[in-house]
């Protein structure tokens, strides 16, 4: 997968508020922990989780 996809996703998420980002994480079942204290780390957690699921979710079954 292209890095551009994840960079574009990051840019789209950057436009949202922290409250909206936390709701996205909650809806996707992402535990933010200390990452919820800053917008950039929240975005990193969301993108990282999505990337992990895209790469490895088909292997888990």
N, C-alpha and C. Protein backbone atom coordinates (compact mmCIF):
# COMPACT_ATOMS: atom_id res chain seq x y z
N UNK A 1 0.83 -1.18 0.00
CA UNK A 1 0.00 0.00 0.00
C UNK A 1 0.88 1.24 0.00
N UNK A 2 0.35 2.24 -0.61
CA UNK A 2 1.10 3.47 -0.77
C UNK A 2 1.09 4.31 0.50
N UNK A 3 2.22 4.95 0.76
CA UNK A 3 2.31 5.86 1.91
C UNK A 3 1.41 7.07 1.72
N UNK A 4 1.14 7.42 0.47
CA UNK A 4 0.28 8.57 0.19
C UNK A 4 -1.11 8.39 0.78
N UNK A 5 -1.58 7.15 0.80
CA UNK A 5 -2.91 6.86 1.35
C UNK A 5 -2.96 7.25 2.83
N UNK A 6 -1.94 6.89 3.56
CA UNK A 6 -1.93 7.17 5.00
C UNK A 6 -1.69 8.66 5.27
N UNK A 7 -0.88 9.30 4.42
CA UNK A 7 -0.66 10.74 4.57
C UNK A 7 -1.94 11.52 4.29
N UNK A 8 -2.69 11.09 3.29
CA UNK A 8 -3.96 11.73 2.97
C UNK A 8 -4.96 11.54 4.11
N UNK A 9 -4.98 10.34 4.68
CA UNK A 9 -5.87 10.06 5.81
C UNK A 9 -5.49 10.95 6.99
N UNK A 10 -4.21 11.08 7.24
CA UNK A 10 -3.71 11.93 8.32
C UNK A 10 -4.16 13.39 8.13
N UNK A 11 -4.05 13.88 6.88
CA UNK A 11 -4.45 15.25 6.56
C UNK A 11 -5.94 15.46 6.76
N UNK A 12 -6.74 14.46 6.38
CA UNK A 12 -8.19 14.55 6.58
C UNK A 12 -8.55 14.57 8.06
N UNK A 13 -7.89 13.74 8.84
CA UNK A 13 -8.16 13.69 10.27
C UNK A 13 -7.72 14.97 10.97
N UNK A 14 -6.69 15.61 10.45
CA UNK A 14 -6.17 16.84 11.05
C UNK A 14 -7.23 17.96 11.02
N UNK A 15 -8.16 17.89 10.09
CA UNK A 15 -9.21 18.90 9.96
C UNK A 15 -10.30 18.76 11.01
N UNK A 16 -10.36 17.63 11.69
CA UNK A 16 -11.39 17.37 12.68
C UNK A 16 -11.00 17.91 14.05
N UNK A 17 -11.99 18.05 14.92
CA UNK A 17 -11.70 18.46 16.29
C UNK A 17 -11.28 17.25 17.11
N UNK A 18 -10.69 17.51 18.27
CA UNK A 18 -10.26 16.43 19.16
C UNK A 18 -11.47 15.61 19.61
N UNK A 19 -12.57 16.28 19.86
CA UNK A 19 -13.79 15.58 20.27
C UNK A 19 -14.25 14.60 19.18
N UNK A 20 -14.19 15.04 17.93
CA UNK A 20 -14.57 14.17 16.82
C UNK A 20 -13.59 13.01 16.67
N UNK A 21 -12.31 13.29 16.87
CA UNK A 21 -11.30 12.23 16.78
C UNK A 21 -11.51 11.18 17.87
N UNK A 22 -11.81 11.62 19.07
CA UNK A 22 -12.07 10.67 20.16
C UNK A 22 -13.29 9.81 19.88
N UNK A 23 -14.31 10.41 19.25
CA UNK A 23 -15.51 9.65 18.90
C UNK A 23 -15.19 8.60 17.83
N UNK A 24 -14.36 8.96 16.87
CA UNK A 24 -13.94 8.01 15.84
C UNK A 24 -13.21 6.84 16.50
N UNK A 25 -12.29 7.15 17.39
CA UNK A 25 -11.54 6.10 18.08
C UNK A 25 -12.48 5.20 18.88
N UNK A 26 -13.44 5.80 19.55
CA UNK A 26 -14.40 5.01 20.33
C UNK A 26 -15.22 4.10 19.42
N UNK A 27 -15.69 4.64 18.30
CA UNK A 27 -16.49 3.85 17.36
C UNK A 27 -15.70 2.70 16.75
N UNK A 28 -14.40 2.89 16.56
CA UNK A 28 -13.56 1.86 15.96
C UNK A 28 -12.93 0.93 17.00
N UNK A 29 -13.21 1.18 18.27
CA UNK A 29 -12.69 0.31 19.33
C UNK A 29 -11.22 0.51 19.61
N UNK A 30 -10.73 1.72 19.43
CA UNK A 30 -9.31 2.04 19.65
C UNK A 30 -9.15 2.62 21.04
N UNK A 31 -8.31 2.01 21.85
CA UNK A 31 -8.02 2.53 23.18
C UNK A 31 -6.89 3.55 23.05
N UNK A 32 -7.20 4.80 23.36
CA UNK A 32 -6.23 5.86 23.16
C UNK A 32 -5.25 6.01 24.32
N UNK A 33 -5.69 5.82 25.54
CA UNK A 33 -4.81 5.99 26.69
C UNK A 33 -4.22 7.39 26.72
N UNK A 34 -2.91 7.49 26.91
CA UNK A 34 -2.25 8.79 26.97
C UNK A 34 -2.25 9.51 25.63
N UNK A 35 -2.47 8.80 24.55
CA UNK A 35 -2.49 9.42 23.22
C UNK A 35 -3.64 10.42 23.10
N UNK A 36 -4.66 10.29 23.91
CA UNK A 36 -5.81 11.19 23.84
C UNK A 36 -5.49 12.59 24.35
N UNK A 37 -4.34 12.77 24.95
CA UNK A 37 -4.01 14.08 25.52
C UNK A 37 -3.59 15.09 24.45
N UNK A 38 -3.19 14.62 23.28
CA UNK A 38 -2.77 15.54 22.22
C UNK A 38 -3.39 15.12 20.89
N UNK A 39 -3.69 16.10 20.08
CA UNK A 39 -4.33 15.84 18.79
C UNK A 39 -3.45 15.00 17.88
N UNK A 40 -2.17 15.33 17.78
CA UNK A 40 -1.29 14.61 16.87
C UNK A 40 -1.10 13.15 17.28
N UNK A 41 -1.03 12.88 18.57
CA UNK A 41 -0.88 11.50 19.00
C UNK A 41 -2.19 10.71 18.83
N UNK A 42 -3.32 11.40 18.97
CA UNK A 42 -4.61 10.75 18.72
C UNK A 42 -4.71 10.34 17.26
N UNK A 43 -4.31 11.23 16.37
CA UNK A 43 -4.32 10.92 14.93
C UNK A 43 -3.36 9.78 14.63
N UNK A 44 -2.19 9.78 15.25
CA UNK A 44 -1.22 8.69 15.06
C UNK A 44 -1.82 7.35 15.45
N UNK A 45 -2.54 7.31 16.57
CA UNK A 45 -3.15 6.07 17.04
C UNK A 45 -4.22 5.57 16.07
N UNK A 46 -5.06 6.49 15.58
CA UNK A 46 -6.13 6.10 14.66
C UNK A 46 -5.54 5.58 13.36
N UNK A 47 -4.61 6.32 12.77
CA UNK A 47 -4.00 5.90 11.51
C UNK A 47 -3.22 4.60 11.70
N UNK A 48 -2.49 4.50 12.80
CA UNK A 48 -1.73 3.29 13.07
C UNK A 48 -2.62 2.07 13.21
N UNK A 49 -3.74 2.24 13.89
CA UNK A 49 -4.67 1.13 14.06
C UNK A 49 -5.30 0.73 12.74
N UNK A 50 -5.69 1.71 11.94
CA UNK A 50 -6.27 1.41 10.63
C UNK A 50 -5.25 0.72 9.72
N UNK A 51 -4.02 1.18 9.80
CA UNK A 51 -2.96 0.60 8.98
C UNK A 51 -2.71 -0.85 9.39
N UNK A 52 -2.66 -1.09 10.68
CA UNK A 52 -2.46 -2.45 11.19
C UNK A 52 -3.58 -3.37 10.70
N UNK A 53 -4.83 -2.90 10.84
CA UNK A 53 -5.95 -3.73 10.41
C UNK A 53 -5.92 -3.98 8.91
N UNK A 54 -5.50 -2.99 8.12
CA UNK A 54 -5.44 -3.17 6.67
C UNK A 54 -4.35 -4.18 6.28
N UNK A 55 -3.26 -4.18 7.02
CA UNK A 55 -2.14 -5.06 6.68
C UNK A 55 -2.29 -6.46 7.24
N UNK A 56 -2.85 -6.58 8.45
CA UNK A 56 -2.82 -7.87 9.14
C UNK A 56 -4.18 -8.47 9.46
N UNK A 57 -5.25 -7.75 9.24
CA UNK A 57 -6.58 -8.27 9.61
C UNK A 57 -6.93 -9.54 8.83
N UNK A 58 -6.51 -9.64 7.58
CA UNK A 58 -6.85 -10.82 6.79
C UNK A 58 -6.08 -12.04 7.26
N UNK A 59 -4.94 -11.82 7.95
CA UNK A 59 -4.13 -12.94 8.47
C UNK A 59 -4.74 -13.55 9.72
N UNK A 60 -5.53 -12.75 10.45
CA UNK A 60 -6.13 -13.22 11.69
C UNK A 60 -7.49 -13.82 11.39
N UNK A 61 -7.63 -15.08 11.55
CA UNK A 61 -8.93 -15.70 11.35
C UNK A 61 -8.89 -17.13 11.80
